[in-house]
C-alpha atoms as a PDB file:
ATOM      1  CA  MET A   1     -12.992   6.882 -58.784  1.00  0.00           C
ATOM      2  CA  ALA A   2     -14.383   3.505 -58.735  1.00  0.00           C
ATOM      3  CA  ARG A   3     -12.603   1.413 -56.586  1.00  0.00           C
ATOM      4  CA  HIS A   4     -13.180  -1.508 -53.986  1.00  0.00           C
ATOM      5  CA  ALA A   5     -14.975   0.033 -51.037  1.00  0.00           C
ATOM      6  CA  ALA A   6     -13.656  -0.133 -47.520  1.00  0.00           C
ATOM      7  CA  THR A   7     -11.895  -3.919 -46.316  1.00  0.00           C
ATOM      8  CA  ASP A   8      -9.486  -4.728 -44.016  1.00  0.00           C
ATOM      9  CA  SER A   9      -6.900  -4.184 -46.259  1.00  0.00           C
ATOM     10  CA  PRO A  10      -7.067  -0.818 -47.832  1.00  0.00           C
ATOM     11  CA  TYR A  11      -6.646   0.337 -51.734  1.00  0.00           C
ATOM     12  CA  VAL A  12      -4.650   3.051 -50.954  1.00  0.00           C
ATOM     13  CA  SER A  13      -1.434   3.005 -48.525  1.00  0.00           C
ATOM     14  CA  VAL A  14       0.718   6.311 -48.392  1.00  0.00           C
ATOM     15  CA  VAL A  15       3.585   6.007 -46.976  1.00  0.00           C
ATOM     16  CA  VAL A  16       5.263   9.172 -45.803  1.00  0.00           C
ATOM     17  CA  PRO A  17       8.884   8.822 -44.428  1.00  0.00           C
ATOM     18  CA  VAL A  18       9.580  11.405 -41.883  1.00  0.00           C
ATOM     19  CA  PHE A  19      13.349  12.155 -40.268  1.00  0.00           C
ATOM     20  CA  ASN A  20      13.192  15.219 -37.894  1.00  0.00           C
ATOM     21  CA  GLU A  21      10.571  17.062 -39.060  1.00  0.00           C
ATOM     22  CA  VAL A  22       8.371  17.790 -35.778  1.00  0.00           C
ATOM     23  CA  ASP A  23       7.373  21.153 -37.748  1.00  0.00           C
ATOM     24  CA  SER A  24       5.877  19.604 -40.558  1.00  0.00           C
ATOM     25  CA  VAL A  25       3.917  16.753 -39.461  1.00  0.00           C
ATOM     26  CA  GLU A  26       0.745  18.261 -37.702  1.00  0.00           C
ATOM     27  CA  PRO A  27       0.260  20.453 -41.027  1.00  0.00           C
ATOM     28  CA  LEU A  28       1.453  17.853 -43.475  1.00  0.00           C
ATOM     29  CA  HIS A  29      -1.711  15.179 -42.025  1.00  0.00           C
ATOM     30  CA  ARG A  30      -4.015  18.124 -41.672  1.00  0.00           C
ATOM     31  CA  GLU A  31      -3.592  18.496 -45.501  1.00  0.00           C
ATOM     32  CA  LEU A  32      -3.269  14.482 -46.241  1.00  0.00           C
ATOM     33  CA  ILE A  33      -6.183  13.570 -44.671  1.00  0.00           C
ATOM     34  CA  GLY A  34      -8.491  15.984 -46.215  1.00  0.00           C
ATOM     35  CA  VAL A  35      -7.440  14.377 -49.820  1.00  0.00           C
ATOM     36  CA  LEU A  36      -7.444  11.348 -48.872  1.00  0.00           C
ATOM     37  CA  GLY A  37     -10.954  11.507 -47.305  1.00  0.00           C
ATOM     38  CA  GLY A  38     -12.098  13.143 -50.729  1.00  0.00           C
ATOM     39  CA  LEU A  39     -10.781   9.891 -52.693  1.00  0.00           C
ATOM     40  CA  GLY A  40     -14.118   8.032 -52.279  1.00  0.00           C
ATOM     41  CA  THR A  41     -11.917   4.147 -51.375  1.00  0.00           C
ATOM     42  CA  SER A  42     -10.515   3.243 -48.271  1.00  0.00           C
ATOM     43  CA  PHE A  43      -6.973   4.827 -47.310  1.00  0.00           C
ATOM     44  CA  GLU A  44      -4.089   4.010 -44.507  1.00  0.00           C
ATOM     45  CA  VAL A  45      -1.247   6.655 -44.156  1.00  0.00           C
ATOM     46  CA  VAL A  46       1.648   4.614 -43.053  1.00  0.00           C
ATOM     47  CA  TYR A  47       4.459   7.259 -40.813  1.00  0.00           C
ATOM     48  CA  VAL A  48       7.328   5.905 -41.041  1.00  0.00           C
ATOM     49  CA  ASP A  49       9.663   7.851 -38.273  1.00  0.00           C
ATOM     50  CA  ASP A  50      13.415   6.984 -39.231  1.00  0.00           C
ATOM     51  CA  GLY A  51      15.094   7.692 -35.738  1.00  0.00           C
ATOM     52  CA  SER A  52      14.468  11.014 -35.413  1.00  0.00           C
ATOM     53  CA  ASP A  53      15.623  12.943 -32.417  1.00  0.00           C
ATOM     54  CA  ASP A  54      13.455  16.483 -32.168  1.00  0.00           C
ATOM     55  CA  GLY A  55       9.816  15.035 -31.000  1.00  0.00           C
ATOM     56  CA  SER A  56       8.496  14.170 -34.427  1.00  0.00           C
ATOM     57  CA  ALA A  57       7.896  10.378 -33.452  1.00  0.00           C
ATOM     58  CA  GLU A  58       6.102  11.681 -30.514  1.00  0.00           C
ATOM     59  CA  ARG A  59       4.157  13.748 -32.030  1.00  0.00           C
ATOM     60  CA  LEU A  60       3.074  10.724 -34.762  1.00  0.00           C
ATOM     61  CA  GLY A  61       2.093   8.806 -31.990  1.00  0.00           C
ATOM     62  CA  GLN A  62      -0.511  11.296 -31.167  1.00  0.00           C
ATOM     63  CA  ILE A  63      -1.485  11.268 -34.652  1.00  0.00           C
ATOM     64  CA  ALA A  64      -1.898   7.779 -34.360  1.00  0.00           C
ATOM     65  CA  GLN A  65      -3.644   7.311 -31.042  1.00  0.00           C
ATOM     66  CA  ARG A  66      -6.656   9.441 -32.386  1.00  0.00           C
ATOM     67  CA  ASP A  67      -6.831   8.233 -36.244  1.00  0.00           C
ATOM     68  CA  ALA A  68      -6.825   4.115 -36.609  1.00  0.00           C
ATOM     69  CA  ARG A  69      -6.210   4.852 -40.386  1.00  0.00           C
ATOM     70  CA  VAL A  70      -2.849   6.250 -39.100  1.00  0.00           C
ATOM     71  CA  HIS A  71      -0.166   3.523 -38.333  1.00  0.00           C
ATOM     72  CA  VAL A  72       3.531   4.643 -37.086  1.00  0.00           C
ATOM     73  CA  VAL A  73       6.482   2.544 -37.756  1.00  0.00           C
ATOM     74  CA  SER A  74       9.263   3.859 -35.447  1.00  0.00           C
ATOM     75  CA  PHE A  75      12.966   2.817 -36.040  1.00  0.00           C
ATOM     76  CA  ARG A  76      15.555   2.796 -32.943  1.00  0.00           C
ATOM     77  CA  LYS A  77      18.149   4.897 -34.866  1.00  0.00           C
ATOM     78  CA  ASN A  78      18.243   6.942 -38.032  1.00  0.00           C
ATOM     79  CA  PHE A  79      18.536   4.147 -40.769  1.00  0.00           C
ATOM     80  CA  GLY A  80      18.324   6.308 -43.740  1.00  0.00           C
ATOM     81  CA  GLN A  81      15.478   6.811 -46.634  1.00  0.00           C
ATOM     82  CA  ALA A  82      15.942   3.221 -48.309  1.00  0.00           C
ATOM     83  CA  ALA A  83      15.603   1.592 -45.088  1.00  0.00           C
ATOM     84  CA  ALA A  84      12.785   3.981 -44.417  1.00  0.00           C
ATOM     85  CA  VAL A  85      10.771   3.026 -47.545  1.00  0.00           C
ATOM     86  CA  GLN A  86      11.421  -0.839 -47.339  1.00  0.00           C
ATOM     87  CA  ALA A  87       9.977  -0.614 -43.921  1.00  0.00           C
ATOM     88  CA  GLY A  88       6.527   1.404 -45.375  1.00  0.00           C
ATOM     89  CA  ILE A  89       6.411  -1.669 -48.097  1.00  0.00           C
ATOM     90  CA  ASP A  90       6.862  -4.121 -45.306  1.00  0.00           C
ATOM     91  CA  TYR A  91       4.176  -2.516 -42.768  1.00  0.00           C
ATOM     92  CA  SER A  92       1.594  -1.244 -45.112  1.00  0.00           C
ATOM     93  CA  ARG A  93      -1.606  -3.155 -46.644  1.00  0.00           C
ATOM     94  CA  GLY A  94      -2.616  -1.315 -49.637  1.00  0.00           C
ATOM     95  CA  ASP A  95      -3.139  -2.918 -53.457  1.00  0.00           C
ATOM     96  CA  VAL A  96      -1.422   1.188 -54.678  1.00  0.00           C
ATOM     97  CA  LEU A  97       1.585   2.372 -52.283  1.00  0.00           C
ATOM     98  CA  VAL A  98       2.282   6.135 -52.482  1.00  0.00           C
ATOM     99  CA  PHE A  99       4.846   7.479 -50.958  1.00  0.00           C
ATOM    100  CA  LEU A 100       5.245  11.114 -49.939  1.00  0.00           C
ATOM    101  CA  ALA A 101       8.068  13.266 -48.988  1.00  0.00           C
ATOM    102  CA  GLY A 102       7.600  14.510 -44.907  1.00  0.00           C
ATOM    103  CA  ASP A 103       9.079  17.819 -45.774  1.00  0.00           C
ATOM    104  CA  MET A 104       5.696  18.967 -47.582  1.00  0.00           C
ATOM    105  CA  GLN A 105       7.900  20.186 -50.579  1.00  0.00           C
ATOM    106  CA  ASN A 106       5.399  17.353 -52.356  1.00  0.00           C
ATOM    107  CA  ASP A 107       1.521  18.613 -52.773  1.00  0.00           C
ATOM    108  CA  PRO A 108      -0.767  15.694 -51.313  1.00  0.00           C
ATOM    109  CA  HIS A 109      -3.138  17.411 -53.990  1.00  0.00           C
ATOM    110  CA  ASP A 110      -1.514  15.114 -56.401  1.00  0.00           C
ATOM    111  CA  ILE A 111      -1.914  12.234 -55.069  1.00  0.00           C
ATOM    112  CA  PRO A 112      -5.578  12.091 -57.014  1.00  0.00           C
ATOM    113  CA  HIS A 113      -3.669  12.181 -60.388  1.00  0.00           C
ATOM    114  CA  LEU A 114      -1.617   9.234 -59.687  1.00  0.00           C
ATOM    115  CA  LEU A 115      -4.149   6.901 -58.898  1.00  0.00           C
ATOM    116  CA  GLU A 116      -5.820   8.187 -61.416  1.00  0.00           C
ATOM    117  CA  LYS A 117      -3.019   6.694 -63.864  1.00  0.00           C
ATOM    118  CA  VAL A 118      -2.513   3.789 -61.971  1.00  0.00           C
ATOM    119  CA  ASP A 119      -6.792   2.928 -62.797  1.00  0.00           C
ATOM    120  CA  GLU A 120      -6.029   3.310 -66.013  1.00  0.00           C
ATOM    121  CA  GLY A 121      -3.474   0.540 -66.287  1.00  0.00           C
ATOM    122  CA  TYR A 122      -0.132   1.415 -65.369  1.00  0.00           C
ATOM    123  CA  ASP A 123       1.967   0.003 -62.520  1.00  0.00           C
ATOM    124  CA  VAL A 124       3.847   3.092 -61.744  1.00  0.00           C
ATOM    125  CA  ALA A 125       3.034   6.517 -61.848  1.00  0.00           C
ATOM    126  CA  SER A 126       5.695   8.605 -60.854  1.00  0.00           C
ATOM    127  CA  GLY A 127       6.062  12.044 -60.065  1.00  0.00           C
ATOM    128  CA  TRP A 128       8.071  14.744 -62.333  1.00  0.00           C
ATOM    129  CA  ARG A 129       9.255  18.238 -60.149  1.00  0.00           C
ATOM    130  CA  ARG A 130       9.006  20.138 -63.596  1.00  0.00           C
ATOM    131  CA  ASP A 131       9.001  23.183 -62.084  1.00  0.00           C
ATOM    132  CA  ARG A 132      11.534  22.958 -58.968  1.00  0.00           C
ATOM    133  CA  HIS A 133      11.629  25.064 -56.032  1.00  0.00           C
ATOM    134  CA  ASP A 134      15.578  24.308 -55.304  1.00  0.00           C
ATOM    135  CA  ALA A 135      19.040  25.842 -55.608  1.00  0.00           C
ATOM    136  CA  PRO A 136      20.125  25.996 -59.328  1.00  0.00           C
ATOM    137  CA  ALA A 137      23.083  23.672 -58.932  1.00  0.00           C
ATOM    138  CA  ARG A 138      21.145  21.103 -57.352  1.00  0.00           C
ATOM    139  CA  VAL A 139      18.927  21.247 -60.337  1.00  0.00           C
ATOM    140  CA  ILE A 140      21.483  20.875 -62.323  1.00  0.00           C
ATOM    141  CA  LEU A 141      23.189  17.914 -60.924  1.00  0.00           C
ATOM    142  CA  SER A 142      19.668  16.376 -60.550  1.00  0.00           C
ATOM    143  CA  ARG A 143      18.920  16.623 -64.354  1.00  0.00           C
ATOM    144  CA  ILE A 144      22.164  15.231 -65.042  1.00  0.00           C
ATOM    145  CA  ALA A 145      21.658  12.204 -63.198  1.00  0.00           C
ATOM    146  CA  ASN A 146      18.386  11.551 -63.885  1.00  0.00           C
ATOM    147  CA  TRP A 147      19.419  11.701 -67.863  1.00  0.00           C
ATOM    148  CA  ILE A 148      22.311   9.318 -67.161  1.00  0.00           C
ATOM    149  CA  ILE A 149      19.583   6.736 -65.328  1.00  0.00           C
ATOM    150  CA  ALA A 150      16.942   6.869 -68.116  1.00  0.00           C
ATOM    151  CA  ARG A 151      19.721   6.208 -70.673  1.00  0.00           C
ATOM    152  CA  VAL A 152      21.639   3.221 -68.483  1.00  0.00           C
ATOM    153  CA  SER A 153      17.981   2.068 -67.229  1.00  0.00           C
ATOM    154  CA  GLY A 154      16.171   1.705 -70.089  1.00  0.00           C
ATOM    155  CA  VAL A 155      13.252   3.402 -68.083  1.00  0.00           C
ATOM    156  CA  ALA A 156      12.451   6.939 -69.415  1.00  0.00           C
ATOM    157  CA  LEU A 157      11.742   8.941 -66.518  1.00  0.00           C
ATOM    158  CA  SER A 158      12.465  12.703 -65.935  1.00  0.00           C
ATOM    159  CA  ASP A 159      12.972  13.005 -62.389  1.00  0.00           C
ATOM    160  CA  PHE A 160      13.929   9.822 -60.811  1.00  0.00           C
ATOM    161  CA  GLY A 161      14.278  11.033 -57.486  1.00  0.00           C
ATOM    162  CA  CYS A 162      10.850  12.717 -56.807  1.00  0.00           C
ATOM    163  CA  THR A 163       9.413  10.754 -53.848  1.00  0.00           C
ATOM    164  CA  LEU A 164       6.183  11.588 -55.312  1.00  0.00           C
ATOM    165  CA  LYS A 165       5.381   8.339 -57.125  1.00  0.00           C
ATOM    166  CA  ALA A 166       2.577   5.810 -57.042  1.00  0.00           C
ATOM    167  CA  TYR A 167       2.907   2.050 -57.277  1.00  0.00           C
ATOM    168  CA  ARG A 168       0.977  -1.556 -57.514  1.00  0.00           C
ATOM    169  CA  ARG A 169       2.225  -3.439 -54.559  1.00  0.00           C
ATOM    170  CA  GLU A 170       2.875  -6.292 -57.280  1.00  0.00           C
ATOM    171  CA  VAL A 171       5.690  -4.628 -58.732  1.00  0.00           C
ATOM    172  CA  ILE A 172       7.534  -3.481 -55.728  1.00  0.00           C
ATOM    173  CA  GLY A 173       6.529  -5.889 -53.425  1.00  0.00           C
ATOM    174  CA  ASP A 174       9.633  -7.811 -53.112  1.00  0.00           C
ATOM    175  CA  VAL A 175      11.988  -6.185 -53.155  1.00  0.00           C
ATOM    176  CA  HIS A 176      15.527  -5.173 -50.780  1.00  0.00           C
ATOM    177  CA  LEU A 177      16.437  -2.045 -50.858  1.00  0.00           C
ATOM    178  CA  TYR A 178      19.575  -0.870 -49.674  1.00  0.00           C
ATOM    179  CA  GLY A 179      22.369   2.451 -49.793  1.00  0.00           C
ATOM    180  CA  GLU A 180      19.682   4.846 -52.280  1.00  0.00           C
ATOM    181  CA  MET A 181      17.972   1.743 -54.174  1.00  0.00           C
ATOM    182  CA  HIS A 182      14.785   3.822 -53.041  1.00  0.00           C
ATOM    183  CA  ARG A 183      15.528   6.682 -55.636  1.00  0.00           C
ATOM    184  CA  LEU A 184      16.027   3.502 -58.144  1.00  0.00           C
ATOM    185  CA  LEU A 185      12.332   1.704 -57.422  1.00  0.00           C
ATOM    186  CA  PRO A 186      11.463   2.604 -61.026  1.00  0.00           C
ATOM    187  CA  VAL A 187      14.299   0.880 -62.454  1.00  0.00           C
ATOM    188  CA  LEU A 188      13.036  -2.187 -60.326  1.00  0.00           C
ATOM    189  CA  ALA A 189      10.143  -2.341 -61.327  1.00  0.00           C
ATOM    190  CA  SER A 190      10.439  -2.228 -64.826  1.00  0.00           C
ATOM    191  CA  ALA A 191      12.427  -5.185 -64.109  1.00  0.00           C
ATOM    192  CA  VAL A 192      10.156  -7.545 -63.389  1.00  0.00           C
ATOM    193  CA  GLY A 193       8.005  -5.473 -66.314  1.00  0.00           C
ATOM    194  CA  ALA A 194       5.932  -2.387 -64.918  1.00  0.00           C
ATOM    195  CA  ARG A 195       3.898  -0.216 -66.688  1.00  0.00           C
ATOM    196  CA  ILE A 196       5.662   3.088 -66.504  1.00  0.00           C
ATOM    197  CA  THR A 197       4.401   6.382 -66.494  1.00  0.00           C
ATOM    198  CA  GLU A 198       5.311   9.941 -65.635  1.00  0.00           C
ATOM    199  CA  LEU A 199       3.290  13.210 -64.993  1.00  0.00           C
ATOM    200  CA  PRO A 200       4.367  16.505 -63.349  1.00  0.00           C
ATOM    201  CA  VAL A 201       3.927  17.724 -60.186  1.00  0.00           C
ATOM    202  CA  ASN A 202       3.401  20.812 -57.911  1.00  0.00           C
ATOM    203  CA  HIS A 203       6.859  20.983 -56.397  1.00  0.00           C
ATOM    204  CA  ARG A 204       6.737  23.690 -53.602  1.00  0.00           C
ATOM    205  CA  PRO A 205       9.147  26.178 -51.831  1.00  0.00           C
ATOM    206  CA  ARG A 206      10.976  24.354 -48.740  1.00  0.00           C
ATOM    207  CA  THR A 207       8.917  26.052 -45.225  1.00  0.00           C
ATOM    208  CA  TYR A 208       9.874  23.351 -43.186  1.00  0.00           C
ATOM    209  CA  GLY A 209      13.272  21.298 -42.413  1.00  0.00           C
ATOM    210  CA  LYS A 210      16.568  21.437 -44.191  1.00  0.00           C
ATOM    211  CA  SER A 211      17.836  19.335 -47.235  1.00  0.00           C
ATOM    212  CA  ARG A 212      19.998  16.131 -47.252  1.00  0.00           C
ATOM    213  CA  HIS A 213      21.142  16.340 -50.771  1.00  0.00           C
ATOM    214  CA  SER A 214      24.601  16.243 -51.386  1.00  0.00           C
ATOM    215  CA  LEU A 215      26.809  15.417 -54.583  1.00  0.00           C
ATOM    216  CA  LEU A 216      28.273  11.879 -52.145  1.00  0.00           C
ATOM    217  CA  ARG A 217      24.300  10.685 -52.171  1.00  0.00           C
ATOM    218  CA  ASN A 218      24.290  11.550 -56.394  1.00  0.00           C
ATOM    219  CA  SER A 219      27.127   9.694 -56.642  1.00  0.00           C
ATOM    220  CA  ARG A 220      25.798   6.411 -54.302  1.00  0.00           C
ATOM    221  CA  VAL A 221      22.365   6.373 -56.840  1.00  0.00           C
ATOM    222  CA  MET A 222      25.059   6.264 -59.991  1.00  0.00           C
ATOM    223  CA  GLN A 223      26.960   3.250 -58.070  1.00  0.00           C
ATOM    224  CA  ASP A 224      24.069   1.648 -57.229  1.00  0.00           C
ATOM    225  CA  LEU A 225      22.614   1.821 -60.487  1.00  0.00           C
ATOM    226  CA  ILE A 226      25.367   0.063 -62.306  1.00  0.00           C
ATOM    227  CA  ALA A 227      25.160  -2.792 -59.208  1.00  0.00           C
ATOM    228  CA  ILE A 228      21.552  -3.361 -59.915  1.00  0.00           C
ATOM    229  CA  GLU A 229      22.486  -3.749 -64.382  1.00  0.00           C
ATOM    230  CA  LEU A 230      25.384  -5.800 -63.427  1.00  0.00           C
ATOM    231  CA  LEU A 231      23.842  -8.207 -60.740  1.00  0.00           C
ATOM    232  CA  GLY A 232      20.555  -8.209 -62.346  1.00  0.00           C
ATOM    233  CA  ARG A 233      19.026  -5.449 -60.896  1.00  0.00           C
ATOM    234  CA  PHE A 234      19.673  -6.330 -57.191  1.00  0.00           C
ATOM    235  CA  ALA A 235      22.745  -4.281 -55.014  1.00  0.00           C
ATOM    236  CA  ARG A 236      26.868  -2.196 -50.312  1.00  0.00           C
ATOM    237  CA  PRO A 237      30.127  -2.237 -49.373  1.00  0.00           C
ATOM    238  CA  LEU A 238      30.230  -0.990 -53.618  1.00  0.00           C
ATOM    239  CA  TYR A 239      30.137   2.427 -51.757  1.00  0.00           C
ATOM    240  CA  VAL A 240      33.884   2.058 -50.443  1.00  0.00           C
ATOM    241  CA  PHE A 241      35.245   0.292 -53.622  1.00  0.00           C
ATOM    242  CA  GLY A 242      33.684   2.217 -56.136  1.00  0.00           C
ATOM    243  CA  VAL A 243      34.612   5.627 -54.435  1.00  0.00           C
ATOM    244  CA  VAL A 244      38.207   4.064 -54.817  1.00  0.00           C
ATOM    245  CA  ALA A 245      37.379   2.956 -58.396  1.00  0.00           C
ATOM    246  CA  LEU A 246      36.391   6.088 -59.704  1.00  0.00           C
ATOM    247  CA  VAL A 247      39.074   8.386 -57.821  1.00  0.00           C
ATOM    248  CA  LEU A 248      41.284   5.699 -59.947  1.00  0.00           C
ATOM    249  CA  TRP A 249      39.702   5.938 -63.173  1.00  0.00           C
ATOM    250  CA  ALA A 250      39.271   9.732 -62.818  1.00  0.00           C
ATOM    251  CA  ILE A 251      43.264   9.983 -62.416  1.00  0.00           C
ATOM    252  CA  ALA A 252      43.620   7.536 -64.581  1.00  0.00           C
ATOM    253  CA  LEU A 253      41.816   9.248 -67.811  1.00  0.00           C
ATOM    254  CA  LEU A 254      43.830  12.798 -66.923  1.00  0.00           C
ATOM    255  CA  PHE A 255      46.923  11.169 -66.784  1.00  0.00           C
ATOM    256  CA  ALA A 256      46.083   9.704 -70.792  1.00  0.00           C
ATOM    257  CA  ALA A 257      45.332  13.280 -71.417  1.00  0.00           C
ATOM    258  CA  ILE A 258      48.501  14.151 -70.830  1.00  0.00           C
ATOM    259  CA  VAL A 259      50.150  11.130 -72.856  1.00  0.00           C
ATOM    260  CA  ALA A 260      47.976  12.531 -75.552  1.00  0.00           C
ATOM    261  CA  PHE A 261      49.001  16.094 -75.632  1.00  0.00           C
ATOM    262  CA  GLN A 262      52.915  15.161 -75.338  1.00  0.00           C
ATOM    263  CA  ARG A 263      51.970  12.593 -78.117  1.00  0.00           C
ATOM    264  CA  LEU A 264      50.858  15.479 -80.099  1.00  0.00           C
ATOM    265  CA  GLY A 265      52.651  18.280 -79.407  1.00  0.00           C
ATOM    266  CA  PRO A 266      56.087  18.687 -79.412  1.00  0.00           C
ATOM    267  CA  PRO A 267      58.867  16.923 -78.760  1.00  0.00           C
ATOM    268  CA  GLY A 268      56.156  13.989 -79.930  1.00  0.00           C
ATOM    269  CA  VAL A 269      57.373  11.097 -76.813  1.00  0.00           C
ATOM    270  CA  ASP A 270      56.035   7.647 -78.747  1.00  0.00           C
ATOM    271  CA  VAL A 271      53.353   6.567 -76.156  1.00  0.00           C
ATOM    272  CA  GLN A 272      55.445   3.107 -75.923  1.00  0.00           C
ATOM    273  CA  ASP A 273      58.291   4.958 -74.459  1.00  0.00           C
ATOM    274  CA  ASN A 274      55.989   7.340 -71.670  1.00  0.00           C
ATOM    275  CA  PRO A 275      55.788   6.013 -68.365  1.00  0.00           C
ATOM    276  CA  VAL A 276      52.852   8.071 -67.936  1.00  0.00           C
ATOM    277  CA  PHE A 277      50.824   5.943 -70.182  1.00  0.00           C
ATOM    278  CA  LEU A 278      51.885   2.871 -68.853  1.00  0.00           C
ATOM    279  CA  LEU A 279      50.352   4.395 -65.156  1.00  0.00           C
ATOM    280  CA  SER A 280      47.166   5.420 -66.777  1.00  0.00           C
ATOM    281  CA  LEU A 281      46.794   1.730 -67.542  1.00  0.00           C
ATOM    282  CA  VAL A 282      47.783   0.502 -64.144  1.00  0.00           C
ATOM    283  CA  LEU A 283      45.093   2.897 -62.539  1.00  0.00           C
ATOM    284  CA  LEU A 284      42.857   1.621 -65.236  1.00  0.00           C
ATOM    285  CA  ILE A 285      42.856  -2.206 -64.211  1.00  0.00           C
ATOM    286  CA  VAL A 286      43.453  -1.140 -60.428  1.00  0.00           C
ATOM    287  CA  GLY A 287      40.319   0.677 -60.810  1.00  0.00           C
ATOM    288  CA  VAL A 288      38.093  -2.012 -62.788  1.00  0.00           C
ATOM    289  CA  GLN A 289      39.249  -4.867 -59.587  1.00  0.00           C
ATOM    290  CA  SER A 290      38.156  -2.281 -57.280  1.00  0.00           C
ATOM    291  CA  PHE A 291      34.773  -2.099 -58.720  1.00  0.00           C
ATOM    292  CA  LEU A 292      34.765  -5.662 -59.207  1.00  0.00           C
ATOM    293  CA  THR A 293      35.722  -6.793 -55.336  1.00  0.00           C
ATOM    294  CA  GLY A 294      32.685  -4.113 -54.251  1.00  0.00           C
ATOM    295  CA  LEU A 295      30.172  -6.040 -56.744  1.00  0.00           C
ATOM    296  CA  VAL A 296      31.556  -9.469 -54.999  1.00  0.00           C
ATOM    297  CA  ALA A 297      31.181  -8.068 -51.401  1.00  0.00           C
ATOM    298  CA  ASP A 298      27.887  -6.633 -52.283  1.00  0.00           C
ATOM    299  CA  LEU A 299      26.453 -10.206 -53.994  1.00  0.00           C
ATOM    300  CA  SER A 300      27.964 -11.716 -50.449  1.00  0.00           C
ATOM    301  CA  MET A 301      25.908  -8.660 -48.080  1.00  0.00           C
ATOM    302  CA  ARG A 302      22.944  -9.587 -50.395  1.00  0.00           C
ATOM    303  CA  ASN A 303      22.765 -13.243 -49.464  1.00  0.00           C
ATOM    304  CA  HIS A 304      23.580 -12.522 -46.169  1.00  0.00           C
ATOM    305  CA  HIS A 305      20.193 -10.152 -45.612  1.00  0.00           C
ATOM    306  CA  GLU A 306      18.048 -12.525 -47.899  1.00  0.00           C
ATOM    307  CA  ALA A 307      19.398 -15.715 -46.440  1.00  0.00           C
ATOM    308  CA  LEU A 308      18.799 -14.797 -43.270  1.00  0.00           C
ATOM    309  CA  SER A 309      15.959 -12.651 -43.894  1.00  0.00           C
ATOM    310  CA  LYS A 310      17.977  -9.420 -41.856  1.00  0.00           C
ATOM    311  CA  PRO A 311      15.719  -6.606 -42.320  1.00  0.00           C
ATOM    312  CA  VAL A 312      17.949  -3.325 -42.804  1.00  0.00           C
ATOM    313  CA  TYR A 313      16.453  -1.457 -39.982  1.00  0.00           C
ATOM    314  CA  VAL A 314      14.999  -2.175 -36.488  1.00  0.00           C
ATOM    315  CA  VAL A 315      11.983  -1.476 -35.387  1.00  0.00           C
ATOM    316  CA  ARG A 316      11.335   0.294 -31.736  1.00  0.00           C
ATOM    317  CA  GLU A 317       7.870  -0.047 -31.812  1.00  0.00           C
ATOM    318  CA  VAL A 318       4.824   0.400 -33.765  1.00  0.00           C
ATOM    319  CA  ILE A 319       2.002   2.852 -32.822  1.00  0.00           C
ATOM    320  CA  GLU A 320      -1.608   2.738 -33.699  1.00  0.00           C
ATOM    321  CA  LYS A 321      -4.737   3.506 -32.210  1.00  0.00           C
ATOM    322  CA  HIS A 322      -5.433   1.786 -28.775  1.00  0.00           C
ATOM    323  CA  ARG A 323      -2.187  -0.877 -29.483  1.00  0.00           C
ATOM    324  CA  HIS A 324       1.558  -0.151 -28.549  1.00  0.00           C
ATOM    325  CA  LYS A 325       3.203  -2.812 -30.407  1.00  0.00           C
ATOM    326  CA  GLN A 326       7.093  -4.220 -30.128  1.00  0.00           C
ATOM    327  CA  PRO A 327       8.835  -5.734 -32.679  1.00  0.00           C
ATOM    328  CA  ALA A 328       9.400  -9.326 -33.307  1.00  0.00           C
ATOM    329  CA  ALA A 329      12.994 -11.256 -33.051  1.00  0.00           C
ATOM    330  CA  ASP A 330      13.598 -10.819 -36.538  1.00  0.00           C
ATOM    331  CA  GLY A 331      12.392  -7.086 -36.690  1.00  0.00           C
ATOM    332  CA  ARG A 332       9.077  -7.073 -38.624  1.00  0.00           C
ATOM    333  CA  GLN A 333       6.620  -7.877 -36.861  1.00  0.00           C
ATOM    334  CA  ALA A 334       3.329  -7.183 -38.614  1.00  0.00           C
ATOM    335  CA  VAL A 335       1.012  -4.180 -37.734  1.00  0.00           C
ATOM    336  CA  ARG A 336      -2.274  -6.913 -38.666  1.00  0.00           C
ATOM    337  CA  SER A 337      -3.954  -8.699 -35.869  1.00  0.00           C
END
């Protein structure tokens, strides 16, 4: 791969969010460094410890102390994966950012293939777990969610949930991630004109840690998608109001089905005389109002965060070889000297 020589700013930054992955940290790092060492370009690895309480932060700190190419951003508590991804963007320096899961289900040997796509001129190279090693129910729900996201956003990807992706910094450098928006990074990149491609990647069976996937997280991703589309590709009070709206709409749909059944079947109740129909309309309207309230609240929160330049995480320390840094007042002390 013909890329620029090593400089103070590396060409590739690999960002690895970690939460209670103490058993996988060392084997993942050994494999990752082996792959990156063969790229023939400058690189760094940024581990973002999302408030682990199992010793992961300490293990990562030991790695950073012996390898100057490794930086560890350690949160004071668990802020969630979106905050970890945001910190990885903020604290990394590379022209190309590669995100990799810390549980070793992503294969580091796929990183060169992603970078080849970037070298071809693409701004985003997205991994596609075509052969997944997850529970069947999870795979089915994921495919449904991916289909919906692709249709709504217009971004033709098969696997938005795959962590393994490569981005040119210029297409995601100014994002502000909240909630579950890290899964929609390709949508945000598309909004600024990014060229996006997708390629199959290896998905390993889980051998470390446990899955934190849930149906609730899928619903939050859907709400984030709607918020991005309706608020000009931005967007978290929406979660509360959005769940209320979804429940009200589901009940309204059920009542509407009952009305249709009563109208078509005997004794053929007129719609205008059916109180269930009026109740369905009321629930529909209240659901819309609830959802719009959530959107307005989200917009206010966005303005709050951006006006104050307030990050969605608080860093305890940044660990590099021979250096321990305490965070600045705004929680975003740079890792560069």
